[in-house]
Amino acid sequence: MTFRNILVPIEDSALLPSMLQCAFLTAKRFAGSIEGMPIRRALLEVVAVGPDGFVGATAHLVEDFERDEATRAQRCKDKFTGFMKDHGITLVEPLTAMEDVTASWNEQGAPGDAVVGNRGRLFDVIVVGRPARDTSTPRMSTLEAGLFDSGRPLLIAPPSAPQALGETVVIAWNGSTETARTIAFADAFLKAAKKVVVLSVEGAMVPGPTGAELAQYLTRKGIAAEHKDILNPDKPAGEVMLREAMAAGADLLVKGGYTQSRVRQMIFGGATSHILANAEIPVFMAH
């Protein structure tokens, strides 16, 4: 699988420059096309309560909401097209077949995060921002819509825009089906990388092949991978994975999403949750 078709669901957040940079670096490496798409909020609770207790959306409130969403979408479009112009990327119609790096803007009408999963099925990878603790966007719901509803992998942009992407790749291997699937999706990145490290953390493994066996499998595919096992880790698995990835000089972390259930990770924590909250490098993830 190569990454010729790249979707960027866009909200006006502080991570937008990093998201666009991740999309650009991917498109540049694989001669891909980037489609920007604004994420419109759904009108769920625009209500007015009168003296009689009646609750309902007023035409005035709905009109204000729609005008605000149109303004937000235009602001996102201006930032998207401005970035592409600054990087010399030609703007074309959505899903136009081209040999060079191109970009397009697709004004989807449907509101809500569901459009990310629906539209994302036409793409090789979906670029989203790492959900931030101190801002309302990027939202976890947008990330999860892409992860669970599209059937496609995500490229999760860190808070700061990366200067390189996929030169040194660390695979956070835990033996799981989710991670095996993610590695299959990441094949083009792995083949193009200068260095690939398979990282396993004791205590985070599920029944399955070892890190050494995965490295052997990748080597048979022509990917010169090395492996590193962390025995008796001094920190939780997610923290160790990020620390070791940074120590290896990684500019991309490949990680399967949610080997444990989302509910369990929300309550007890887990490697996926920690990485989504703290990664400072791009993360390639699938479920």
Protein backbone atom coordinates (compact mmCIF):
# COMPACT_ATOMS: atom_id res chain seq x y z
CA MET A 1 0.00 0.00 0.00
CA THR A 2 1.33 3.43 -0.92
CA PHE A 3 0.03 6.80 0.18
CA ARG A 4 -1.15 8.54 -2.98
CA ASN A 5 -4.48 9.72 -1.55
CA ILE A 6 -4.29 11.69 1.69
CA LEU A 7 -7.28 13.14 3.57
CA VAL A 8 -6.92 15.99 6.06
CA PRO A 9 -10.12 16.67 8.09
CA ILE A 10 -9.61 20.28 9.16
CA GLU A 11 -10.61 22.20 12.24
CA ASP A 12 -9.12 25.57 13.04
CA SER A 13 -6.77 24.47 15.81
CA ALA A 14 -3.22 25.18 16.91
CA LEU A 15 -2.14 21.81 15.41
CA LEU A 16 -3.28 22.64 11.88
CA PRO A 17 0.24 23.67 10.70
CA SER A 18 1.63 20.35 11.95
CA MET A 19 -1.18 18.40 10.29
CA LEU A 20 -0.60 20.12 6.96
CA GLN A 21 3.15 19.57 7.26
CA CYS A 22 2.65 15.83 7.92
CA ALA A 23 0.35 15.61 4.89
CA PHE A 24 2.84 17.54 2.76
CA LEU A 25 5.82 15.37 3.77
CA THR A 26 3.81 12.22 3.01
CA ALA A 27 2.60 13.52 -0.35
CA LYS A 28 6.10 14.65 -1.27
CA ARG A 29 7.55 11.21 -0.54
CA PHE A 30 4.88 9.24 -2.40
CA ALA A 31 3.80 11.74 -5.10
CA GLY A 32 0.42 11.93 -3.41
CA SER A 33 -2.63 14.15 -3.50
CA ILE A 34 -3.91 15.95 -0.39
CA GLU A 35 -7.60 16.65 0.12
CA GLY A 36 -8.63 19.16 2.76
CA MET A 37 -12.11 18.88 4.22
CA PRO A 38 -13.63 21.12 6.91
CA ILE A 39 -15.23 19.45 9.91
CA ARG A 40 -18.53 21.16 10.61
CA ARG A 41 -20.07 20.95 14.05
CA ALA A 42 -23.49 19.33 14.26
CA LEU A 43 -26.43 21.45 15.41
CA LEU A 44 -27.46 19.37 18.42
CA GLU A 45 -28.57 21.80 21.08
CA VAL A 46 -29.48 25.20 19.73
CA VAL A 47 -32.50 25.82 21.94
CA ALA A 48 -34.53 28.53 23.57
CA VAL A 49 -36.51 28.02 26.76
CA GLY A 50 -39.60 30.19 27.22
CA PRO A 51 -41.71 30.89 30.31
CA ASP A 52 -43.96 27.95 29.53
CA GLY A 53 -41.02 25.57 29.52
CA PHE A 54 -41.06 25.02 25.75
CA VAL A 55 -37.68 24.03 24.35
CA GLY A 56 -36.86 24.45 20.69
CA ALA A 57 -34.36 25.83 18.23
CA THR A 58 -35.16 29.31 17.01
CA ALA A 59 -34.62 30.42 13.44
CA HIS A 60 -32.37 33.22 14.71
CA LEU A 61 -30.09 30.87 16.64
CA VAL A 62 -29.91 28.40 13.77
CA GLU A 63 -29.04 31.20 11.36
CA ASP A 64 -26.27 32.47 13.65
CA PHE A 65 -24.90 28.94 14.06
CA GLU A 66 -24.82 28.27 10.32
CA ARG A 67 -23.17 31.63 9.62
CA ASP A 68 -20.54 30.90 12.24
CA GLU A 69 -19.84 27.46 10.73
CA ALA A 70 -19.52 28.96 7.24
CA THR A 71 -17.01 31.48 8.61
CA ARG A 72 -15.03 28.72 10.31
CA ALA A 73 -14.99 26.62 7.13
CA GLN A 74 -13.78 29.59 5.07
CA ARG A 75 -11.02 30.27 7.59
CA CYS A 76 -9.90 26.63 7.34
CA LYS A 77 -9.97 26.80 3.54
CA ASP A 78 -7.87 29.96 3.51
CA LYS A 79 -5.23 28.35 5.74
CA PHE A 80 -5.22 25.15 3.68
CA THR A 81 -4.93 26.85 0.30
CA GLY A 82 -2.39 29.32 1.68
CA PHE A 83 -0.17 26.47 2.91
CA MET A 84 -0.36 24.70 -0.44
CA LYS A 85 0.44 27.88 -2.35
CA ASP A 86 3.43 28.58 -0.10
CA HIS A 87 4.75 25.06 -0.85
CA GLY A 88 4.19 25.28 -4.60
CA ILE A 89 1.44 22.63 -4.70
CA THR A 90 -1.11 22.78 -7.52
CA LEU A 91 -4.78 22.93 -6.53
CA VAL A 92 -7.08 20.61 -8.50
CA GLU A 93 -10.59 19.19 -8.23
CA PRO A 94 -11.11 16.47 -5.55
CA LEU A 95 -9.85 12.98 -6.51
CA THR A 96 -8.28 14.18 -9.76
CA ALA A 97 -5.66 11.67 -10.93
CA MET A 98 -2.25 13.34 -11.25
CA GLU A 99 1.39 12.24 -11.31
CA ASP A 100 2.71 15.16 -9.25
CA VAL A 101 1.90 16.33 -5.72
CA THR A 102 -1.47 18.09 -5.78
CA ALA A 103 -4.08 19.38 -3.35
CA SER A 104 -7.83 19.89 -3.41
CA TRP A 105 -10.51 21.33 -1.17
CA ASN A 106 -13.76 19.44 -0.65
CA GLU A 107 -16.60 21.32 1.00
CA GLN A 108 -18.57 18.45 2.54
CA GLY A 109 -22.11 19.37 3.49
CA ALA A 110 -22.78 16.79 6.20
CA PRO A 111 -21.97 18.01 9.74
CA GLY A 112 -20.37 15.98 12.51
CA ASP A 113 -17.41 13.63 12.78
CA ALA A 114 -19.13 10.76 10.91
CA VAL A 115 -18.05 12.33 7.62
CA VAL A 116 -14.42 11.57 8.55
CA GLY A 117 -15.07 7.83 8.65
CA ASN A 118 -17.31 7.91 5.59
CA ARG A 119 -15.13 10.04 3.34
CA GLY A 120 -11.95 8.47 4.69
CA ARG A 121 -12.75 5.12 3.07
CA LEU A 122 -11.64 6.59 -0.27
CA PHE A 123 -8.15 7.43 0.98
CA ASP A 124 -4.91 5.65 1.82
CA VAL A 125 -4.32 7.57 5.03
CA ILE A 126 -6.13 10.18 7.13
CA VAL A 127 -4.08 12.93 8.78
CA VAL A 128 -5.45 14.16 12.10
CA GLY A 129 -4.05 16.19 14.98
CA ARG A 130 -3.09 14.75 18.33
CA PRO A 131 -5.97 15.56 20.71
CA ALA A 132 -4.84 18.37 22.99
CA ARG A 133 -5.55 18.69 26.70
CA ASP A 134 -5.72 22.47 26.79
CA THR A 135 -7.82 23.24 23.70
CA SER A 136 -11.20 22.18 22.33
CA THR A 137 -9.64 20.88 19.11
CA PRO A 138 -8.38 18.60 17.72
CA ARG A 139 -11.11 16.48 19.22
CA MET A 140 -10.76 12.85 20.21
CA SER A 141 -14.10 12.16 18.51
CA THR A 142 -12.62 13.17 15.13
CA LEU A 143 -9.66 10.86 15.63
CA GLU A 144 -11.85 7.96 16.70
CA ALA A 145 -14.21 8.42 13.75
CA GLY A 146 -11.27 7.98 11.41
CA LEU A 147 -9.71 5.15 13.39
CA PHE A 148 -12.82 2.99 13.85
CA ASP A 149 -15.15 3.91 10.98
CA SER A 150 -12.96 4.39 7.90
CA GLY A 151 -11.08 1.08 7.74
CA ARG A 152 -7.99 3.18 6.99
CA PRO A 153 -4.87 4.12 8.97
CA LEU A 154 -4.30 7.47 10.64
CA LEU A 155 -1.23 9.68 10.63
CA ILE A 156 -1.45 11.63 13.89
CA ALA A 157 0.38 14.95 13.85
CA PRO A 158 2.23 16.13 16.99
CA PRO A 159 1.89 19.64 18.44
CA SER A 160 4.98 20.94 16.59
CA ALA A 161 5.33 20.50 12.84
CA PRO A 162 7.97 17.86 12.02
CA GLN A 163 10.87 18.59 9.71
CA ALA A 164 11.18 14.95 8.60
CA LEU A 165 8.81 12.01 8.45
CA GLY A 166 9.60 8.32 8.10
CA GLU A 167 13.39 8.44 7.94
CA THR A 168 13.70 6.50 11.21
CA VAL A 169 10.66 4.41 12.10
CA VAL A 170 10.05 2.71 15.44
CA ILE A 171 7.39 -0.02 15.59
CA ALA A 172 5.78 -0.37 19.02
CA TRP A 173 5.23 -4.12 18.81
CA ASN A 174 3.02 -5.93 21.31
CA GLY A 175 2.19 -9.07 19.30
CA SER A 176 -1.41 -8.02 18.64
CA THR A 177 -3.69 -8.28 15.62
CA GLU A 178 -4.16 -4.49 15.65
CA THR A 179 -0.43 -3.85 15.44
CA ALA A 180 0.07 -6.49 12.74
CA ARG A 181 -2.61 -4.78 10.67
CA THR A 182 -1.02 -1.38 11.26
CA ILE A 183 2.37 -2.69 10.07
CA ALA A 184 0.76 -3.97 6.87
CA PHE A 185 -0.74 -0.51 6.26
CA ALA A 186 2.65 1.11 6.97
CA ASP A 187 4.53 -1.04 4.45
CA ALA A 188 5.43 1.84 2.12
CA PHE A 189 6.80 3.92 4.99
CA LEU A 190 8.85 0.96 6.25
CA LYS A 191 10.31 0.24 2.81
CA ALA A 192 11.27 3.88 2.34
CA ALA A 193 12.81 4.30 5.82
CA LYS A 194 16.55 4.50 6.40
CA LYS A 195 16.19 2.74 9.75
CA VAL A 196 13.47 0.54 11.27
CA VAL A 197 13.45 -0.57 14.91
CA VAL A 198 11.02 -3.11 16.36
CA LEU A 199 10.46 -2.20 20.01
CA SER A 200 8.88 -4.59 22.53
CA VAL A 201 8.18 -3.81 26.17
CA GLU A 202 7.92 -6.62 28.70
CA GLY A 203 4.52 -6.71 30.32
CA ALA A 204 2.79 -5.06 27.36
CA MET A 205 2.88 -8.10 25.07
CA VAL A 206 -0.12 -10.25 24.18
CA PRO A 207 0.18 -13.84 22.90
CA GLY A 208 1.83 -13.61 19.49
CA PRO A 209 5.19 -13.40 17.73
CA THR A 210 8.16 -11.83 19.48
CA GLY A 211 9.85 -8.63 18.41
CA ALA A 212 12.79 -10.65 17.09
CA GLU A 213 10.44 -12.73 14.93
CA LEU A 214 8.80 -9.59 13.54
CA ALA A 215 12.22 -8.15 12.68
CA GLN A 216 13.06 -11.39 10.84
CA TYR A 217 9.77 -11.22 8.93
CA LEU A 218 10.46 -7.63 7.86
CA THR A 219 14.00 -8.54 6.81
CA ARG A 220 12.59 -11.26 4.52
CA LYS A 221 10.48 -8.53 2.91
CA GLY A 222 13.59 -6.48 2.18
CA ILE A 223 13.21 -4.15 5.20
CA ALA A 224 16.40 -4.19 7.25
CA ALA A 225 14.85 -4.06 10.71
CA GLU A 226 16.54 -4.39 14.08
CA HIS A 227 14.80 -5.19 17.32
CA LYS A 228 15.05 -4.06 20.91
CA ASP A 229 13.39 -5.69 23.92
CA ILE A 230 12.85 -3.65 27.07
CA LEU A 231 12.95 -6.04 30.02
CA ASN A 232 11.78 -5.02 33.49
CA PRO A 233 10.59 -1.57 32.37
CA ASP A 234 10.77 1.17 34.98
CA LYS A 235 7.72 3.03 33.64
CA PRO A 236 4.34 2.16 32.06
CA ALA A 237 4.56 0.75 28.53
CA GLY A 238 3.33 3.84 26.69
CA GLU A 239 5.84 6.06 28.44
CA VAL A 240 8.68 3.62 27.73
CA MET A 241 7.68 3.37 24.05
CA LEU A 242 7.80 7.15 23.60
CA ARG A 243 11.06 7.46 25.51
CA GLU A 244 12.75 4.73 23.46
CA ALA A 245 11.41 6.12 20.20
CA MET A 246 12.88 9.53 20.99
CA ALA A 247 16.18 7.93 22.04
CA ALA A 248 16.34 6.14 18.68
CA GLY A 249 15.85 9.44 16.85
CA ALA A 250 12.52 8.29 15.42
CA ASP A 251 10.46 10.67 13.32
CA LEU A 252 7.58 8.18 13.03
CA LEU A 253 6.09 5.75 15.54
CA VAL A 254 3.98 2.86 14.22
CA LYS A 255 1.44 1.71 16.81
CA GLY A 256 -1.69 -0.44 16.76
CA GLY A 257 -4.66 1.35 18.28
CA TYR A 258 -6.43 0.03 21.37
CA THR A 259 -5.45 -3.61 21.89
CA GLN A 260 -7.49 -3.24 25.09
CA SER A 261 -10.99 -1.80 24.84
CA ARG A 262 -11.37 1.96 24.74
CA VAL A 263 -13.45 1.87 27.92
CA ARG A 264 -10.80 -0.07 29.79
CA GLN A 265 -8.08 2.31 28.62
CA MET A 266 -10.17 5.30 29.70
CA ILE A 267 -10.54 3.84 33.18
CA PHE A 268 -7.20 2.15 33.77
CA GLY A 269 -4.98 3.80 31.18
CA GLY A 270 -2.97 2.03 28.50
CA ALA A 271 -0.18 2.47 25.99
CA THR A 272 -2.46 3.84 23.25
CA SER A 273 -4.03 6.42 25.56
CA HIS A 274 -0.65 7.57 26.83
CA ILE A 275 0.80 7.91 23.32
CA LEU A 276 -2.25 9.82 22.05
CA ALA A 277 -1.88 12.24 24.96
CA ASN A 278 1.88 12.72 24.91
CA ALA A 279 3.56 11.89 21.57
CA GLU A 280 5.87 14.62 20.27
CA ILE A 281 6.53 12.82 16.97
CA PRO A 282 4.06 11.69 14.27
CA VAL A 283 2.25 8.44 15.05
CA PHE A 284 0.96 6.04 12.40
CA MET A 285 -1.98 4.12 13.85
CA ALA A 286 -4.71 1.69 12.78
CA HIS A 287 -7.15 -0.60 14.55
